[in-house]
Amino acid sequence: MLKVLDFELGIKYLDQQLDNKKPIIVGLDDGRNEKYNSDKTTEHFLVIVGKGCENGNKYYRYFDVGTKHLSKGTKETNRLFIKESEQLIQGKHPDGKKTYTVAQVRRN
């Protein structure tokens, strides 16, 4: 498991896996204060399935596997944007109510 404490390594790994057509599981901080994970950084998981660029902003497209609604979990607008200046990968929950921040990149 990679932690996005090493932002550049995380980006490099994600890009490499996507270039090889492999999805990647990432752990997220979604703002809750849950204590059930030993490192206390993640409350949710997503699967990154692609990458792109919108108005000069690079992003990763994700599937949200924690919803029973296929249309929400696989929306084209499910995106985590790469914020290089902040060294974050961040986006919104499919309904826009929560902010997702990548806290872990899981190795395939």
N, C-alpha and C. Protein backbone atom coordinates (compact mmCIF):
# COMPACT_ATOMS: atom_id res chain seq x y z
N MET A 1 0.85 -1.17 0.00
CA MET A 1 0.00 0.00 0.00
C MET A 1 0.90 1.24 0.00
N LEU A 2 0.60 2.16 -0.88
CA LEU A 2 1.30 3.44 -0.91
C LEU A 2 0.45 4.47 -0.19
N LYS A 3 1.04 5.32 0.57
CA LYS A 3 0.31 6.43 1.15
C LYS A 3 0.65 7.66 0.34
N VAL A 4 -0.30 8.53 0.16
CA VAL A 4 -0.07 9.69 -0.69
C VAL A 4 0.73 10.75 0.07
N LEU A 5 1.45 10.33 1.09
CA LEU A 5 2.44 11.21 1.68
C LEU A 5 3.54 11.43 0.66
N ASP A 6 3.73 10.45 -0.21
CA ASP A 6 4.67 10.59 -1.32
C ASP A 6 3.84 10.80 -2.58
N PHE A 7 3.41 12.02 -2.77
CA PHE A 7 2.48 12.40 -3.82
C PHE A 7 2.97 11.99 -5.21
N GLU A 8 4.20 12.31 -5.53
CA GLU A 8 4.72 12.02 -6.87
C GLU A 8 4.77 10.52 -7.15
N LEU A 9 5.15 9.74 -6.16
CA LEU A 9 5.17 8.29 -6.33
C LEU A 9 3.76 7.75 -6.55
N GLY A 10 2.80 8.29 -5.82
CA GLY A 10 1.40 7.89 -5.99
C GLY A 10 0.89 8.18 -7.38
N ILE A 11 1.16 9.38 -7.89
CA ILE A 11 0.73 9.77 -9.24
C ILE A 11 1.39 8.86 -10.28
N LYS A 12 2.68 8.64 -10.11
CA LYS A 12 3.42 7.79 -11.06
C LYS A 12 2.83 6.38 -11.09
N TYR A 13 2.53 5.83 -9.92
CA TYR A 13 1.97 4.48 -9.86
C TYR A 13 0.58 4.43 -10.50
N LEU A 14 -0.27 5.39 -10.17
CA LEU A 14 -1.61 5.43 -10.77
C LEU A 14 -1.52 5.50 -12.29
N ASP A 15 -0.70 6.39 -12.80
CA ASP A 15 -0.57 6.54 -14.26
C ASP A 15 -0.03 5.27 -14.90
N GLN A 16 0.95 4.66 -14.27
CA GLN A 16 1.53 3.42 -14.81
C GLN A 16 0.47 2.32 -14.89
N GLN A 17 -0.29 2.15 -13.84
CA GLN A 17 -1.32 1.10 -13.83
C GLN A 17 -2.41 1.38 -14.87
N LEU A 18 -2.84 2.62 -14.97
CA LEU A 18 -3.87 2.97 -15.95
C LEU A 18 -3.34 2.79 -17.38
N ASP A 19 -2.08 3.13 -17.61
CA ASP A 19 -1.48 2.92 -18.94
C ASP A 19 -1.47 1.44 -19.31
N ASN A 20 -1.43 0.58 -18.29
CA ASN A 20 -1.47 -0.87 -18.50
C ASN A 20 -2.88 -1.43 -18.39
N LYS A 21 -3.88 -0.53 -18.42
CA LYS A 21 -5.30 -0.91 -18.40
C LYS A 21 -5.71 -1.64 -17.12
N LYS A 22 -5.09 -1.27 -15.99
CA LYS A 22 -5.41 -1.88 -14.70
C LYS A 22 -6.06 -0.84 -13.79
N PRO A 23 -7.25 -1.14 -13.26
CA PRO A 23 -7.86 -0.24 -12.28
C PRO A 23 -7.11 -0.32 -10.95
N ILE A 24 -7.26 0.71 -10.12
CA ILE A 24 -6.55 0.79 -8.86
C ILE A 24 -7.52 1.17 -7.74
N ILE A 25 -7.41 0.48 -6.62
CA ILE A 25 -8.20 0.83 -5.44
C ILE A 25 -7.47 1.92 -4.67
N VAL A 26 -8.22 2.95 -4.26
CA VAL A 26 -7.66 4.00 -3.41
C VAL A 26 -8.52 4.16 -2.17
N GLY A 27 -7.86 4.45 -1.06
CA GLY A 27 -8.54 4.75 0.19
C GLY A 27 -8.74 6.24 0.31
N LEU A 28 -9.89 6.63 0.86
CA LEU A 28 -10.26 8.04 0.92
C LEU A 28 -10.53 8.53 2.32
N ASP A 29 -10.21 9.77 2.53
CA ASP A 29 -10.71 10.53 3.67
C ASP A 29 -11.93 11.27 3.14
N ASP A 30 -13.09 11.00 3.71
CA ASP A 30 -14.30 11.69 3.25
C ASP A 30 -14.89 12.62 4.32
N GLY A 31 -14.07 12.93 5.33
CA GLY A 31 -14.50 13.90 6.34
C GLY A 31 -15.09 13.30 7.60
N ARG A 32 -15.40 12.01 7.57
CA ARG A 32 -15.92 11.38 8.79
C ARG A 32 -14.76 11.11 9.74
N ASN A 33 -15.07 10.91 11.00
CA ASN A 33 -14.04 10.61 12.00
C ASN A 33 -14.15 9.17 12.47
N GLU A 34 -14.18 8.25 11.54
CA GLU A 34 -14.28 6.83 11.87
C GLU A 34 -12.94 6.32 12.39
N LYS A 35 -12.98 5.34 13.25
CA LYS A 35 -11.76 4.81 13.86
C LYS A 35 -11.55 3.33 13.54
N TYR A 36 -12.25 2.78 12.55
CA TYR A 36 -12.17 1.35 12.31
C TYR A 36 -10.97 0.92 11.47
N ASN A 37 -10.22 1.81 10.91
CA ASN A 37 -9.00 1.45 10.19
C ASN A 37 -7.81 1.78 11.07
N SER A 38 -6.82 0.89 11.05
CA SER A 38 -5.69 1.03 11.98
C SER A 38 -4.92 2.34 11.80
N ASP A 39 -4.85 2.85 10.57
CA ASP A 39 -4.09 4.10 10.38
C ASP A 39 -4.98 5.34 10.43
N LYS A 40 -6.27 5.16 10.56
CA LYS A 40 -7.25 6.24 10.74
C LYS A 40 -7.28 7.26 9.60
N THR A 41 -6.82 6.87 8.40
CA THR A 41 -6.83 7.81 7.28
C THR A 41 -7.98 7.59 6.32
N THR A 42 -8.61 6.43 6.37
CA THR A 42 -9.61 6.13 5.35
C THR A 42 -10.97 5.82 5.96
N GLU A 43 -12.00 6.32 5.28
CA GLU A 43 -13.37 5.97 5.64
C GLU A 43 -14.11 5.32 4.47
N HIS A 44 -13.51 5.33 3.29
CA HIS A 44 -14.20 4.86 2.08
C HIS A 44 -13.15 4.45 1.05
N PHE A 45 -13.57 3.66 0.08
CA PHE A 45 -12.68 3.23 -1.00
C PHE A 45 -13.35 3.45 -2.34
N LEU A 46 -12.54 3.74 -3.34
CA LEU A 46 -13.00 3.89 -4.73
C LEU A 46 -12.09 3.07 -5.62
N VAL A 47 -12.54 2.86 -6.86
CA VAL A 47 -11.71 2.23 -7.87
C VAL A 47 -11.44 3.26 -8.96
N ILE A 48 -10.18 3.58 -9.18
CA ILE A 48 -9.80 4.51 -10.25
C ILE A 48 -9.74 3.70 -11.54
N VAL A 49 -10.47 4.19 -12.56
CA VAL A 49 -10.62 3.43 -13.80
C VAL A 49 -10.11 4.16 -15.04
N GLY A 50 -9.72 5.42 -14.90
CA GLY A 50 -9.25 6.17 -16.06
C GLY A 50 -8.69 7.51 -15.65
N LYS A 51 -8.20 8.24 -16.66
CA LYS A 51 -7.66 9.57 -16.40
C LYS A 51 -8.01 10.47 -17.58
N GLY A 52 -7.94 11.77 -17.32
CA GLY A 52 -8.26 12.73 -18.37
C GLY A 52 -7.84 14.13 -17.96
N CYS A 53 -8.29 15.10 -18.76
CA CYS A 53 -7.97 16.50 -18.50
C CYS A 53 -9.19 17.33 -18.89
N GLU A 54 -9.55 18.27 -18.02
CA GLU A 54 -10.69 19.15 -18.25
C GLU A 54 -10.24 20.58 -17.98
N ASN A 55 -10.28 21.41 -19.00
CA ASN A 55 -9.85 22.81 -18.86
C ASN A 55 -8.45 22.94 -18.26
N GLY A 56 -7.55 22.05 -18.67
CA GLY A 56 -6.18 22.09 -18.17
C GLY A 56 -5.98 21.43 -16.82
N ASN A 57 -7.03 20.88 -16.24
CA ASN A 57 -6.95 20.23 -14.94
C ASN A 57 -6.97 18.71 -15.11
N LYS A 58 -5.89 18.06 -14.70
CA LYS A 58 -5.80 16.61 -14.81
C LYS A 58 -6.65 15.95 -13.73
N TYR A 59 -7.28 14.83 -14.10
CA TYR A 59 -8.12 14.12 -13.14
C TYR A 59 -8.05 12.62 -13.36
N TYR A 60 -8.49 11.89 -12.33
CA TYR A 60 -8.70 10.46 -12.42
C TYR A 60 -10.20 10.21 -12.34
N ARG A 61 -10.68 9.36 -13.21
CA ARG A 61 -12.09 8.98 -13.18
C ARG A 61 -12.22 7.77 -12.26
N TYR A 62 -13.31 7.75 -11.48
CA TYR A 62 -13.48 6.66 -10.52
C TYR A 62 -14.86 6.05 -10.58
N PHE A 63 -14.94 4.81 -10.10
CA PHE A 63 -16.20 4.14 -9.82
C PHE A 63 -16.34 4.12 -8.30
N ASP A 64 -17.51 4.50 -7.82
CA ASP A 64 -17.79 4.47 -6.39
C ASP A 64 -18.51 3.16 -6.10
N VAL A 65 -17.80 2.22 -5.53
CA VAL A 65 -18.34 0.88 -5.31
C VAL A 65 -19.23 0.80 -4.06
N GLY A 66 -19.35 1.89 -3.33
CA GLY A 66 -20.13 1.90 -2.11
C GLY A 66 -21.56 2.38 -2.29
N THR A 67 -22.05 2.37 -3.51
CA THR A 67 -23.44 2.77 -3.74
C THR A 67 -24.20 1.64 -4.41
N LYS A 68 -25.49 1.55 -4.12
CA LYS A 68 -26.31 0.54 -4.78
C LYS A 68 -26.88 1.07 -6.09
N HIS A 69 -26.58 2.32 -6.42
CA HIS A 69 -27.09 2.94 -7.64
C HIS A 69 -26.01 2.94 -8.71
N LEU A 70 -26.13 2.05 -9.68
CA LEU A 70 -25.13 1.92 -10.74
C LEU A 70 -24.87 3.24 -11.43
N SER A 71 -25.93 4.00 -11.70
CA SER A 71 -25.76 5.26 -12.43
C SER A 71 -24.94 6.28 -11.64
N LYS A 72 -25.05 6.29 -10.32
CA LYS A 72 -24.24 7.20 -9.49
C LYS A 72 -22.80 6.73 -9.41
N GLY A 73 -22.63 5.44 -9.21
CA GLY A 73 -21.30 4.90 -9.01
C GLY A 73 -20.40 4.95 -10.23
N THR A 74 -21.01 5.04 -11.41
CA THR A 74 -20.22 4.99 -12.65
C THR A 74 -20.38 6.24 -13.51
N LYS A 75 -20.85 7.32 -12.93
CA LYS A 75 -21.05 8.57 -13.70
C LYS A 75 -19.76 9.04 -14.35
N GLU A 76 -19.88 9.59 -15.55
CA GLU A 76 -18.71 10.16 -16.25
C GLU A 76 -18.08 11.30 -15.45
N THR A 77 -18.87 11.96 -14.63
CA THR A 77 -18.37 13.11 -13.86
C THR A 77 -17.76 12.72 -12.52
N ASN A 78 -17.64 11.44 -12.23
CA ASN A 78 -16.96 10.99 -11.01
C ASN A 78 -15.46 11.17 -11.23
N ARG A 79 -14.94 12.27 -10.71
CA ARG A 79 -13.55 12.64 -10.98
C ARG A 79 -12.84 13.10 -9.72
N LEU A 80 -11.58 12.70 -9.63
CA LEU A 80 -10.68 13.15 -8.57
C LEU A 80 -9.60 13.98 -9.25
N PHE A 81 -9.53 15.25 -8.93
CA PHE A 81 -8.60 16.16 -9.60
C PHE A 81 -7.25 16.16 -8.91
N ILE A 82 -6.20 16.23 -9.71
CA ILE A 82 -4.84 16.29 -9.20
C ILE A 82 -4.52 17.75 -8.90
N LYS A 83 -4.29 18.04 -7.62
CA LYS A 83 -3.97 19.40 -7.19
C LYS A 83 -2.48 19.42 -6.82
N GLU A 84 -1.66 19.64 -7.84
CA GLU A 84 -0.21 19.52 -7.66
C GLU A 84 0.33 20.51 -6.63
N SER A 85 -0.16 21.74 -6.63
CA SER A 85 0.38 22.74 -5.70
C SER A 85 0.10 22.37 -4.24
N GLU A 86 -0.99 21.63 -4.00
CA GLU A 86 -1.34 21.20 -2.64
C GLU A 86 -0.91 19.77 -2.37
N GLN A 87 -0.43 19.10 -3.40
CA GLN A 87 -0.09 17.68 -3.35
C GLN A 87 -1.27 16.85 -2.84
N LEU A 88 -2.42 17.06 -3.50
CA LEU A 88 -3.64 16.33 -3.17
C LEU A 88 -4.26 15.77 -4.44
N ILE A 89 -4.99 14.69 -4.25
CA ILE A 89 -5.90 14.18 -5.28
C ILE A 89 -7.27 14.24 -4.63
N GLN A 90 -8.15 15.05 -5.20
CA GLN A 90 -9.39 15.37 -4.48
C GLN A 90 -10.55 15.56 -5.46
N GLY A 91 -11.74 15.17 -5.01
CA GLY A 91 -12.94 15.35 -5.81
C GLY A 91 -14.18 15.25 -4.96
N LYS A 92 -15.31 15.16 -5.61
CA LYS A 92 -16.59 15.13 -4.90
C LYS A 92 -17.25 13.76 -4.98
N HIS A 93 -18.03 13.46 -3.97
CA HIS A 93 -18.92 12.31 -3.95
C HIS A 93 -19.87 12.47 -5.13
N PRO A 94 -20.39 11.37 -5.70
CA PRO A 94 -21.29 11.49 -6.85
C PRO A 94 -22.46 12.45 -6.66
N ASP A 95 -22.96 12.60 -5.44
CA ASP A 95 -24.06 13.55 -5.23
C ASP A 95 -23.57 14.95 -4.85
N GLY A 96 -22.24 15.12 -4.76
CA GLY A 96 -21.65 16.43 -4.50
C GLY A 96 -21.64 16.86 -3.05
N LYS A 97 -22.11 16.02 -2.14
CA LYS A 97 -22.24 16.43 -0.73
C LYS A 97 -20.96 16.26 0.09
N LYS A 98 -20.07 15.36 -0.33
CA LYS A 98 -18.84 15.12 0.42
C LYS A 98 -17.65 15.37 -0.48
N THR A 99 -16.54 15.76 0.14
CA THR A 99 -15.28 15.88 -0.58
C THR A 99 -14.46 14.63 -0.30
N TYR A 100 -13.96 14.03 -1.35
CA TYR A 100 -13.08 12.86 -1.25
C TYR A 100 -11.64 13.31 -1.41
N THR A 101 -10.77 12.91 -0.49
CA THR A 101 -9.34 13.16 -0.59
C THR A 101 -8.62 11.82 -0.54
N VAL A 102 -7.81 11.52 -1.54
CA VAL A 102 -7.10 10.24 -1.57
C VAL A 102 -6.07 10.23 -0.44
N ALA A 103 -6.16 9.18 0.39
CA ALA A 103 -5.24 9.01 1.51
C ALA A 103 -4.32 7.81 1.32
N GLN A 104 -4.75 6.87 0.48
CA GLN A 104 -3.96 5.66 0.22
C GLN A 104 -4.10 5.27 -1.24
N VAL A 105 -3.03 4.73 -1.79
CA VAL A 105 -3.07 4.10 -3.10
C VAL A 105 -2.69 2.65 -2.87
N ARG A 106 -3.59 1.74 -3.18
CA ARG A 106 -3.34 0.32 -2.95
C ARG A 106 -2.64 -0.30 -4.16
N ARG A 107 -1.60 -1.06 -3.90
CA ARG A 107 -0.88 -1.74 -4.98
C ARG A 107 -1.71 -2.89 -5.54
N ASN A 108 -1.63 -3.04 -6.85
CA ASN A 108 -2.30 -4.18 -7.52
C ASN A 108 -1.49 -5.44 -7.31
